[in-house]
Amino acid sequence: MNIKRFREKAAEVAVYCRERGYNDRIVLLWDLSLHSGRRRFVVWDMVDNRPLRKMVASHGSGFECSLRYSAYAKTSNVPNSHLSSEGHALVAERYRGRYGIAYRLDGLDESNSAIRERCIVLHGWRHTTSYPIWPMPTVGSWGCPVVSERAMAILDEILRDEQNVVLWAYR
């Protein structure tokens, strides 16, 4: 994990959040340029300018969902593409769904404006690993940022006490 790059992205998104009135204490950073078997999903503490948690996170596998799944994310905002979207998203309402506790997401950029319509949500899944498995990729999703069930329990504990948290998926 390149902490310097996460720190640079955190500084960039801190300005974004401050200018728009979003949460200025924590942000979720998802570096889609990194291999899926690495810790590339970070809960960043913007007050102390450090990572609170680092997690492995699955990305969208694409429509084919085949053995051609790539450890590196391709992105799209197109419905039924089964790809993840880049951009800033607001972590919205918490709910209990098919995979347990999850959070709906609202796209804030042109590049992810359809994520609510596409049912792209932040959730846990028992098949997503808690530990880095590089050079192996983690499992794919249908576009959702998916962490392990253990990681989701940690995220839920943090997110329940926060409002207007931004998740930024970038390359």
N, C-alpha and C. Protein backbone atom coordinates (compact mmCIF):
# COMPACT_ATOMS: atom_id res chain seq x y z
N MET A 1 0.85 -1.18 0.00
CA MET A 1 0.00 0.00 0.00
C MET A 1 0.89 1.24 0.00
N ASN A 2 0.65 2.12 -0.94
CA ASN A 2 1.42 3.34 -1.05
C ASN A 2 0.74 4.44 -0.21
N ILE A 3 1.23 4.60 1.01
CA ILE A 3 0.61 5.55 1.93
C ILE A 3 0.72 6.98 1.41
N LYS A 4 1.79 7.27 0.70
CA LYS A 4 1.98 8.62 0.16
C LYS A 4 0.86 8.97 -0.82
N ARG A 5 0.53 8.03 -1.69
CA ARG A 5 -0.55 8.29 -2.66
C ARG A 5 -1.90 8.47 -1.95
N PHE A 6 -2.18 7.63 -0.95
CA PHE A 6 -3.43 7.78 -0.20
C PHE A 6 -3.46 9.14 0.51
N ARG A 7 -2.33 9.56 1.05
CA ARG A 7 -2.26 10.86 1.73
C ARG A 7 -2.53 12.00 0.75
N GLU A 8 -1.99 11.90 -0.46
CA GLU A 8 -2.22 12.92 -1.49
C GLU A 8 -3.70 12.97 -1.88
N LYS A 9 -4.30 11.81 -2.08
CA LYS A 9 -5.72 11.74 -2.45
C LYS A 9 -6.59 12.26 -1.30
N ALA A 10 -6.21 11.95 -0.06
CA ALA A 10 -6.97 12.42 1.10
C ALA A 10 -6.94 13.94 1.17
N ALA A 11 -5.79 14.54 0.89
CA ALA A 11 -5.68 16.01 0.90
C ALA A 11 -6.57 16.60 -0.18
N GLU A 12 -6.60 15.96 -1.34
CA GLU A 12 -7.43 16.43 -2.45
C GLU A 12 -8.93 16.33 -2.12
N VAL A 13 -9.34 15.21 -1.55
CA VAL A 13 -10.76 15.03 -1.24
C VAL A 13 -11.17 15.86 -0.03
N ALA A 14 -10.23 16.21 0.84
CA ALA A 14 -10.55 17.06 1.98
C ALA A 14 -11.05 18.42 1.50
N VAL A 15 -10.42 18.95 0.48
CA VAL A 15 -10.85 20.23 -0.11
C VAL A 15 -12.24 20.07 -0.72
N TYR A 16 -12.44 18.98 -1.46
CA TYR A 16 -13.73 18.68 -2.08
C TYR A 16 -14.83 18.65 -1.01
N CYS A 17 -14.58 17.94 0.08
CA CYS A 17 -15.58 17.80 1.15
C CYS A 17 -15.86 19.14 1.84
N ARG A 18 -14.82 19.87 2.13
CA ARG A 18 -14.98 21.16 2.80
C ARG A 18 -15.78 22.14 1.95
N GLU A 19 -15.47 22.20 0.66
CA GLU A 19 -16.16 23.12 -0.25
C GLU A 19 -17.64 22.79 -0.41
N ARG A 20 -18.00 21.52 -0.25
CA ARG A 20 -19.38 21.09 -0.49
C ARG A 20 -20.15 20.77 0.78
N GLY A 21 -19.52 20.92 1.93
CA GLY A 21 -20.20 20.68 3.20
C GLY A 21 -20.34 19.22 3.58
N TYR A 22 -19.49 18.36 3.03
CA TYR A 22 -19.51 16.94 3.40
C TYR A 22 -18.65 16.71 4.63
N ASN A 23 -18.68 15.49 5.14
CA ASN A 23 -17.95 15.11 6.33
C ASN A 23 -16.47 15.49 6.18
N ASP A 24 -15.93 16.18 7.18
CA ASP A 24 -14.53 16.58 7.12
C ASP A 24 -13.67 15.83 8.15
N ARG A 25 -14.23 14.74 8.70
CA ARG A 25 -13.49 13.92 9.66
C ARG A 25 -12.97 12.63 9.04
N ILE A 26 -13.85 11.95 8.28
CA ILE A 26 -13.41 10.70 7.65
C ILE A 26 -13.86 10.68 6.19
N VAL A 27 -13.14 9.91 5.41
CA VAL A 27 -13.48 9.69 4.01
C VAL A 27 -13.07 8.26 3.68
N LEU A 28 -13.76 7.66 2.71
CA LEU A 28 -13.41 6.34 2.24
C LEU A 28 -12.71 6.49 0.89
N LEU A 29 -11.51 5.95 0.78
CA LEU A 29 -10.72 6.02 -0.45
C LEU A 29 -10.60 4.62 -1.04
N TRP A 30 -10.89 4.51 -2.34
CA TRP A 30 -10.84 3.21 -3.03
C TRP A 30 -9.98 3.37 -4.26
N ASP A 31 -8.74 2.89 -4.19
CA ASP A 31 -7.79 3.05 -5.29
C ASP A 31 -7.94 1.91 -6.27
N LEU A 32 -8.67 2.17 -7.34
CA LEU A 32 -8.94 1.14 -8.35
C LEU A 32 -7.75 0.86 -9.26
N SER A 33 -6.68 1.63 -9.11
CA SER A 33 -5.48 1.34 -9.90
C SER A 33 -4.68 0.19 -9.29
N LEU A 34 -4.97 -0.14 -8.05
CA LEU A 34 -4.24 -1.21 -7.37
C LEU A 34 -4.88 -2.57 -7.63
N HIS A 35 -4.07 -3.59 -7.57
CA HIS A 35 -4.48 -4.99 -7.71
C HIS A 35 -5.54 -5.31 -6.65
N SER A 36 -6.58 -6.07 -7.02
CA SER A 36 -7.68 -6.37 -6.09
C SER A 36 -7.27 -7.23 -4.91
N GLY A 37 -6.14 -7.90 -4.99
CA GLY A 37 -5.66 -8.71 -3.87
C GLY A 37 -4.88 -7.92 -2.84
N ARG A 38 -4.81 -6.61 -3.01
CA ARG A 38 -4.10 -5.74 -2.07
C ARG A 38 -5.08 -4.90 -1.25
N ARG A 39 -4.59 -4.33 -0.18
CA ARG A 39 -5.42 -3.42 0.63
C ARG A 39 -5.49 -2.08 -0.11
N ARG A 40 -6.60 -1.86 -0.76
CA ARG A 40 -6.76 -0.66 -1.59
C ARG A 40 -7.98 0.16 -1.21
N PHE A 41 -8.70 -0.24 -0.18
CA PHE A 41 -9.87 0.48 0.33
C PHE A 41 -9.49 0.97 1.72
N VAL A 42 -9.51 2.29 1.91
CA VAL A 42 -8.99 2.87 3.14
C VAL A 42 -10.02 3.79 3.78
N VAL A 43 -10.19 3.64 5.09
CA VAL A 43 -10.93 4.62 5.88
C VAL A 43 -9.88 5.61 6.34
N TRP A 44 -10.00 6.85 5.86
CA TRP A 44 -8.97 7.85 6.15
C TRP A 44 -9.48 8.84 7.20
N ASP A 45 -8.68 9.03 8.23
CA ASP A 45 -8.96 10.00 9.28
C ASP A 45 -8.38 11.33 8.81
N MET A 46 -9.27 12.27 8.44
CA MET A 46 -8.79 13.55 7.91
C MET A 46 -8.34 14.50 9.01
N VAL A 47 -8.72 14.25 10.25
CA VAL A 47 -8.27 15.08 11.36
C VAL A 47 -6.80 14.80 11.67
N ASP A 48 -6.46 13.52 11.80
CA ASP A 48 -5.08 13.13 12.10
C ASP A 48 -4.26 12.80 10.86
N ASN A 49 -4.89 12.89 9.68
CA ASN A 49 -4.23 12.64 8.39
C ASN A 49 -3.52 11.28 8.37
N ARG A 50 -4.31 10.24 8.63
CA ARG A 50 -3.75 8.89 8.65
C ARG A 50 -4.84 7.87 8.35
N PRO A 51 -4.44 6.69 7.90
CA PRO A 51 -5.45 5.64 7.68
C PRO A 51 -5.93 5.06 9.00
N LEU A 52 -7.26 4.93 9.14
CA LEU A 52 -7.83 4.25 10.30
C LEU A 52 -7.88 2.76 10.06
N ARG A 53 -8.27 2.38 8.84
CA ARG A 53 -8.38 0.98 8.45
C ARG A 53 -7.98 0.84 6.98
N LYS A 54 -7.34 -0.28 6.66
CA LYS A 54 -6.97 -0.61 5.28
C LYS A 54 -7.57 -1.97 4.97
N MET A 55 -8.25 -2.08 3.84
CA MET A 55 -9.00 -3.30 3.54
C MET A 55 -8.83 -3.73 2.08
N VAL A 56 -9.00 -5.00 1.86
CA VAL A 56 -9.14 -5.53 0.51
C VAL A 56 -10.57 -5.26 0.07
N ALA A 57 -10.77 -4.89 -1.19
CA ALA A 57 -12.13 -4.64 -1.69
C ALA A 57 -12.26 -5.14 -3.12
N SER A 58 -13.33 -5.89 -3.36
CA SER A 58 -13.63 -6.38 -4.71
C SER A 58 -14.18 -5.25 -5.57
N HIS A 59 -13.98 -5.36 -6.87
CA HIS A 59 -14.57 -4.42 -7.82
C HIS A 59 -15.43 -5.20 -8.81
N GLY A 60 -16.14 -4.47 -9.65
CA GLY A 60 -17.03 -5.10 -10.63
C GLY A 60 -16.28 -5.98 -11.62
N SER A 61 -16.84 -7.14 -11.86
CA SER A 61 -16.19 -8.12 -12.73
C SER A 61 -16.56 -7.96 -14.20
N GLY A 62 -17.56 -7.15 -14.47
CA GLY A 62 -18.00 -7.00 -15.85
C GLY A 62 -19.12 -7.96 -16.15
N PHE A 63 -19.79 -7.73 -17.26
CA PHE A 63 -20.98 -8.49 -17.62
C PHE A 63 -20.72 -9.97 -17.76
N GLU A 64 -19.54 -10.33 -18.28
CA GLU A 64 -19.29 -11.75 -18.54
C GLU A 64 -19.13 -12.58 -17.27
N CYS A 65 -18.62 -11.96 -16.17
CA CYS A 65 -18.38 -12.71 -14.92
C CYS A 65 -17.70 -14.05 -15.21
N SER A 66 -16.67 -14.00 -15.99
CA SER A 66 -16.02 -15.24 -16.43
C SER A 66 -14.62 -15.35 -15.86
N LEU A 67 -13.89 -16.32 -16.34
CA LEU A 67 -12.51 -16.51 -15.92
C LEU A 67 -11.62 -15.37 -16.42
N ARG A 68 -12.15 -14.50 -17.26
CA ARG A 68 -11.38 -13.37 -17.74
C ARG A 68 -11.40 -12.21 -16.76
N TYR A 69 -11.96 -12.42 -15.57
CA TYR A 69 -12.01 -11.37 -14.54
C TYR A 69 -10.59 -10.87 -14.31
N SER A 70 -10.45 -9.56 -14.28
CA SER A 70 -9.15 -8.95 -14.10
C SER A 70 -8.96 -8.49 -12.66
N ALA A 71 -7.76 -8.64 -12.16
CA ALA A 71 -7.42 -8.14 -10.83
C ALA A 71 -7.36 -6.62 -10.82
N TYR A 72 -7.36 -6.01 -12.01
CA TYR A 72 -7.35 -4.56 -12.14
C TYR A 72 -8.69 -4.11 -12.71
N ALA A 73 -9.26 -3.10 -12.10
CA ALA A 73 -10.62 -2.68 -12.41
C ALA A 73 -10.74 -1.96 -13.74
N LYS A 74 -11.79 -2.32 -14.48
CA LYS A 74 -12.31 -1.52 -15.58
C LYS A 74 -13.53 -0.82 -14.99
N THR A 75 -13.86 0.36 -15.48
CA THR A 75 -14.98 1.08 -14.88
C THR A 75 -16.01 1.49 -15.93
N SER A 76 -17.21 1.71 -15.44
CA SER A 76 -18.32 2.13 -16.30
C SER A 76 -19.43 2.71 -15.44
N ASN A 77 -20.26 3.51 -16.05
CA ASN A 77 -21.45 4.03 -15.38
C ASN A 77 -22.71 3.51 -16.07
N VAL A 78 -22.53 2.54 -16.94
CA VAL A 78 -23.61 2.01 -17.76
C VAL A 78 -24.38 0.92 -17.00
N PRO A 79 -25.72 1.03 -16.95
CA PRO A 79 -26.51 -0.02 -16.30
C PRO A 79 -26.21 -1.40 -16.89
N ASN A 80 -26.20 -2.41 -16.04
CA ASN A 80 -25.96 -3.81 -16.40
C ASN A 80 -24.56 -4.10 -16.90
N SER A 81 -23.64 -3.17 -16.74
CA SER A 81 -22.25 -3.42 -17.15
C SER A 81 -21.53 -4.30 -16.13
N HIS A 82 -22.03 -4.32 -14.90
CA HIS A 82 -21.41 -5.04 -13.78
C HIS A 82 -19.98 -4.58 -13.52
N LEU A 83 -19.71 -3.32 -13.86
CA LEU A 83 -18.42 -2.71 -13.58
C LEU A 83 -18.58 -1.64 -12.52
N SER A 84 -17.53 -1.40 -11.76
CA SER A 84 -17.55 -0.34 -10.75
C SER A 84 -17.42 1.01 -11.45
N SER A 85 -17.81 2.06 -10.76
CA SER A 85 -17.73 3.42 -11.30
C SER A 85 -16.71 4.23 -10.53
N GLU A 86 -15.98 5.07 -11.27
CA GLU A 86 -15.06 6.02 -10.63
C GLU A 86 -15.84 7.25 -10.20
N GLY A 87 -15.30 7.97 -9.22
CA GLY A 87 -15.88 9.24 -8.83
C GLY A 87 -16.21 9.30 -7.35
N HIS A 88 -16.70 10.46 -6.94
CA HIS A 88 -17.12 10.70 -5.57
C HIS A 88 -18.56 10.21 -5.40
N ALA A 89 -18.81 9.56 -4.29
CA ALA A 89 -20.17 9.10 -3.97
C ALA A 89 -20.45 9.42 -2.51
N LEU A 90 -21.68 9.72 -2.23
CA LEU A 90 -22.11 9.98 -0.86
C LEU A 90 -22.61 8.66 -0.28
N VAL A 91 -22.10 8.30 0.88
CA VAL A 91 -22.57 7.10 1.57
C VAL A 91 -23.93 7.47 2.16
N ALA A 92 -24.97 6.81 1.69
CA ALA A 92 -26.35 7.16 2.04
C ALA A 92 -26.89 6.20 3.10
N GLU A 93 -28.15 5.85 2.99
CA GLU A 93 -28.81 5.12 4.07
C GLU A 93 -28.27 3.71 4.26
N ARG A 94 -28.28 3.32 5.53
CA ARG A 94 -27.88 1.99 5.97
C ARG A 94 -29.11 1.10 5.89
N TYR A 95 -28.93 -0.14 5.48
CA TYR A 95 -30.04 -1.09 5.44
C TYR A 95 -29.51 -2.51 5.60
N ARG A 96 -30.41 -3.42 5.85
CA ARG A 96 -30.04 -4.84 5.91
C ARG A 96 -30.56 -5.49 4.64
N GLY A 97 -29.66 -6.05 3.88
CA GLY A 97 -30.03 -6.65 2.61
C GLY A 97 -29.58 -8.09 2.50
N ARG A 98 -29.51 -8.57 1.29
CA ARG A 98 -29.15 -9.95 1.00
C ARG A 98 -27.80 -10.35 1.58
N TYR A 99 -26.87 -9.37 1.64
CA TYR A 99 -25.52 -9.65 2.13
C TYR A 99 -25.28 -9.08 3.53
N GLY A 100 -26.35 -8.78 4.25
CA GLY A 100 -26.21 -8.22 5.60
C GLY A 100 -26.31 -6.71 5.56
N ILE A 101 -25.63 -6.07 6.49
CA ILE A 101 -25.64 -4.60 6.56
C ILE A 101 -24.96 -4.05 5.31
N ALA A 102 -25.59 -3.03 4.73
CA ALA A 102 -25.06 -2.39 3.53
C ALA A 102 -25.42 -0.91 3.56
N TYR A 103 -24.76 -0.16 2.69
CA TYR A 103 -25.03 1.27 2.57
C TYR A 103 -25.26 1.62 1.11
N ARG A 104 -26.37 2.30 0.85
CA ARG A 104 -26.63 2.79 -0.50
C ARG A 104 -25.66 3.92 -0.81
N LEU A 105 -25.39 4.12 -2.08
CA LEU A 105 -24.47 5.15 -2.53
C LEU A 105 -25.15 6.05 -3.54
N ASP A 106 -24.86 7.33 -3.45
CA ASP A 106 -25.36 8.30 -4.42
C ASP A 106 -24.17 8.91 -5.14
N GLY A 107 -24.12 8.73 -6.46
CA GLY A 107 -23.03 9.29 -7.25
C GLY A 107 -23.09 10.81 -7.27
N LEU A 108 -21.93 11.43 -7.14
CA LEU A 108 -21.84 12.88 -7.10
C LEU A 108 -21.18 13.46 -8.36
N ASP A 109 -20.70 12.57 -9.23
CA ASP A 109 -20.00 13.00 -10.44
C ASP A 109 -20.68 12.42 -11.68
N GLU A 110 -20.37 12.98 -12.81
CA GLU A 110 -20.89 12.47 -14.08
C GLU A 110 -20.48 11.00 -14.28
N SER A 111 -19.29 10.66 -13.84
CA SER A 111 -18.75 9.31 -14.03
C SER A 111 -19.44 8.24 -13.19
N ASN A 112 -20.24 8.65 -12.19
CA ASN A 112 -20.94 7.66 -11.36
C ASN A 112 -22.37 8.08 -11.04
N SER A 113 -22.93 8.91 -11.86
CA SER A 113 -24.27 9.47 -11.62
C SER A 113 -25.37 8.39 -11.58
N ALA A 114 -25.12 7.22 -12.12
CA ALA A 114 -26.15 6.17 -12.20
C ALA A 114 -25.98 5.08 -11.14
N ILE A 115 -25.10 5.27 -10.16
CA ILE A 115 -24.85 4.15 -9.25
C ILE A 115 -26.06 3.80 -8.38
N ARG A 116 -26.87 4.76 -8.00
CA ARG A 116 -28.07 4.41 -7.23
C ARG A 116 -29.00 3.60 -8.12
N GLU A 117 -29.25 4.07 -9.32
CA GLU A 117 -30.11 3.36 -10.28
C GLU A 117 -29.56 1.96 -10.57
N ARG A 118 -28.25 1.81 -10.58
CA ARG A 118 -27.60 0.52 -10.85
C ARG A 118 -27.54 -0.37 -9.62
N CYS A 119 -28.03 0.12 -8.48
CA CYS A 119 -28.01 -0.64 -7.22
C CYS A 119 -26.58 -0.98 -6.78
N ILE A 120 -25.67 -0.05 -7.00
CA ILE A 120 -24.29 -0.21 -6.54
C ILE A 120 -24.26 0.27 -5.09
N VAL A 121 -23.92 -0.64 -4.18
CA VAL A 121 -23.93 -0.35 -2.74
C VAL A 121 -22.64 -0.84 -2.12
N LEU A 122 -22.33 -0.32 -0.95
CA LEU A 122 -21.18 -0.77 -0.17
C LEU A 122 -21.67 -1.89 0.74
N HIS A 123 -21.07 -3.08 0.59
CA HIS A 123 -21.50 -4.20 1.42
C HIS A 123 -20.38 -5.19 1.66
N GLY A 124 -20.61 -6.08 2.58
CA GLY A 124 -19.69 -7.17 2.86
C GLY A 124 -20.15 -8.43 2.16
N TRP A 125 -19.23 -9.39 2.04
CA TRP A 125 -19.57 -10.68 1.43
C TRP A 125 -18.60 -11.72 1.96
N ARG A 126 -19.12 -12.87 2.26
CA ARG A 126 -18.29 -13.92 2.87
C ARG A 126 -17.18 -14.42 1.95
N HIS A 127 -17.30 -14.19 0.65
CA HIS A 127 -16.28 -14.68 -0.28
C HIS A 127 -15.16 -13.66 -0.54
N THR A 128 -15.31 -12.46 0.00
CA THR A 128 -14.24 -11.46 -0.14
C THR A 128 -13.30 -11.62 1.04
N THR A 129 -12.04 -11.66 0.76
CA THR A 129 -11.03 -11.91 1.79
C THR A 129 -10.80 -10.71 2.70
N SER A 130 -10.42 -10.99 3.92
CA SER A 130 -10.04 -9.94 4.88
C SER A 130 -8.56 -9.60 4.75
N TYR A 131 -7.80 -10.48 4.13
CA TYR A 131 -6.34 -10.33 4.07
C TYR A 131 -5.87 -10.19 2.62
N PRO A 132 -4.78 -9.48 2.42
CA PRO A 132 -4.22 -9.39 1.06
C PRO A 132 -3.85 -10.78 0.55
N ILE A 133 -4.18 -11.04 -0.70
CA ILE A 133 -3.86 -12.34 -1.30
C ILE A 133 -3.06 -12.18 -2.60
N TRP A 134 -2.54 -10.97 -2.84
CA TRP A 134 -1.72 -10.73 -4.02
C TRP A 134 -0.66 -11.80 -4.12
N PRO A 135 -0.40 -12.40 -5.25
CA PRO A 135 -0.78 -11.99 -6.60
C PRO A 135 -2.13 -12.53 -7.09
N MET A 136 -2.84 -13.23 -6.21
CA MET A 136 -4.17 -13.70 -6.59
C MET A 136 -5.15 -12.54 -6.48
N PRO A 137 -6.17 -12.49 -7.36
CA PRO A 137 -7.20 -11.45 -7.21
C PRO A 137 -8.27 -11.91 -6.22
N THR A 138 -8.96 -10.96 -5.64
CA THR A 138 -10.12 -11.32 -4.83
C THR A 138 -11.29 -11.57 -5.79
N VAL A 139 -12.39 -12.02 -5.28
CA VAL A 139 -13.57 -12.29 -6.11
C VAL A 139 -14.11 -10.99 -6.70
N GLY A 140 -14.86 -11.10 -7.76
CA GLY A 140 -15.47 -9.92 -8.37
C GLY A 140 -16.86 -9.66 -7.83
N SER A 141 -17.36 -8.47 -8.13
CA SER A 141 -18.73 -8.11 -7.74
C SER A 141 -19.48 -7.69 -9.00
N TRP A 142 -20.68 -7.21 -8.83
CA TRP A 142 -21.44 -6.70 -9.97
C TRP A 142 -21.34 -5.17 -10.05
N GLY A 143 -20.23 -4.65 -9.52
CA GLY A 143 -19.98 -3.22 -9.57
C GLY A 143 -19.84 -2.60 -8.20
N CYS A 144 -20.29 -3.31 -7.18
CA CYS A 144 -20.25 -2.78 -5.82
C CYS A 144 -18.84 -2.81 -5.24
N PRO A 145 -18.51 -1.84 -4.38
CA PRO A 145 -17.32 -2.00 -3.54
C PRO A 145 -17.68 -3.02 -2.46
N VAL A 146 -17.01 -4.15 -2.48
CA VAL A 146 -17.34 -5.25 -1.57
C VAL A 146 -16.13 -5.60 -0.72
N VAL A 147 -16.32 -5.60 0.58
CA VAL A 147 -15.28 -5.96 1.53
C VAL A 147 -15.70 -7.25 2.24
N SER A 148 -14.81 -7.78 3.05
CA SER A 148 -15.16 -8.99 3.80
C SER A 148 -16.24 -8.66 4.83
N GLU A 149 -16.90 -9.69 5.33
CA GLU A 149 -17.91 -9.47 6.37
C GLU A 149 -17.29 -8.84 7.61
N ARG A 150 -16.08 -9.28 7.94
CA ARG A 150 -15.37 -8.72 9.10
C ARG A 150 -15.08 -7.24 8.89
N ALA A 151 -14.60 -6.89 7.69
CA ALA A 151 -14.31 -5.49 7.37
C ALA A 151 -15.59 -4.66 7.35
N MET A 152 -16.69 -5.25 6.88
CA MET A 152 -17.96 -4.51 6.84
C MET A 152 -18.44 -4.20 8.25
N ALA A 153 -18.23 -5.10 9.19
CA ALA A 153 -18.62 -4.85 10.58
C ALA A 153 -17.84 -3.65 11.12
N ILE A 154 -16.57 -3.55 10.78
CA ILE A 154 -15.75 -2.41 11.19
C ILE A 154 -16.24 -1.13 10.53
N LEU A 155 -16.49 -1.19 9.22
CA LEU A 155 -17.01 -0.03 8.50
C LEU A 155 -18.35 0.43 9.08
N ASP A 156 -19.22 -0.52 9.35
CA ASP A 156 -20.53 -0.18 9.90
C ASP A 156 -20.40 0.53 11.24
N GLU A 157 -19.50 0.05 12.07
CA GLU A 157 -19.30 0.69 13.37
C GLU A 157 -18.85 2.15 13.19
N ILE A 158 -18.02 2.41 12.21
CA ILE A 158 -17.55 3.77 11.94
C ILE A 158 -18.66 4.60 11.30
N LEU A 159 -19.32 4.06 10.28
CA LEU A 159 -20.29 4.84 9.51
C LEU A 159 -21.57 5.15 10.29
N ARG A 160 -21.96 4.31 11.22
CA ARG A 160 -23.19 4.56 11.99
C ARG A 160 -23.12 5.88 12.75
N ASP A 161 -21.92 6.30 13.12
CA ASP A 161 -21.75 7.52 13.90
C ASP A 161 -21.42 8.75 13.05
N GLU A 162 -21.40 8.59 11.75
CA GLU A 162 -21.01 9.68 10.85
C GLU A 162 -22.13 9.99 9.87
N GLN A 163 -22.10 11.20 9.32
CA GLN A 163 -23.05 11.59 8.28
C GLN A 163 -22.29 12.24 7.13
N ASN A 164 -22.89 12.18 5.96
CA ASN A 164 -22.33 12.83 4.77
C ASN A 164 -20.89 12.40 4.47
N VAL A 165 -20.64 11.10 4.60
CA VAL A 165 -19.31 10.56 4.31
C VAL A 165 -19.18 10.35 2.81
N VAL A 166 -18.03 10.74 2.27
CA VAL A 166 -17.76 10.56 0.84
C VAL A 166 -16.89 9.32 0.65
N LEU A 167 -17.26 8.52 -0.35
CA LEU A 167 -16.44 7.41 -0.83
C LEU A 167 -15.91 7.87 -2.18
N TRP A 168 -14.59 7.87 -2.34
CA TRP A 168 -14.00 8.30 -3.61
C TRP A 168 -13.30 7.12 -4.25
N ALA A 169 -13.82 6.68 -5.38
CA ALA A 169 -13.20 5.61 -6.19
C ALA A 169 -12.42 6.30 -7.31
N TYR A 170 -11.15 6.00 -7.41
CA TYR A 170 -10.28 6.69 -8.38
C TYR A 170 -9.22 5.72 -8.88
N ARG A 171 -8.53 6.17 -9.92
CA ARG A 171 -7.36 5.43 -10.44
C ARG A 171 -6.12 6.24 -10.22
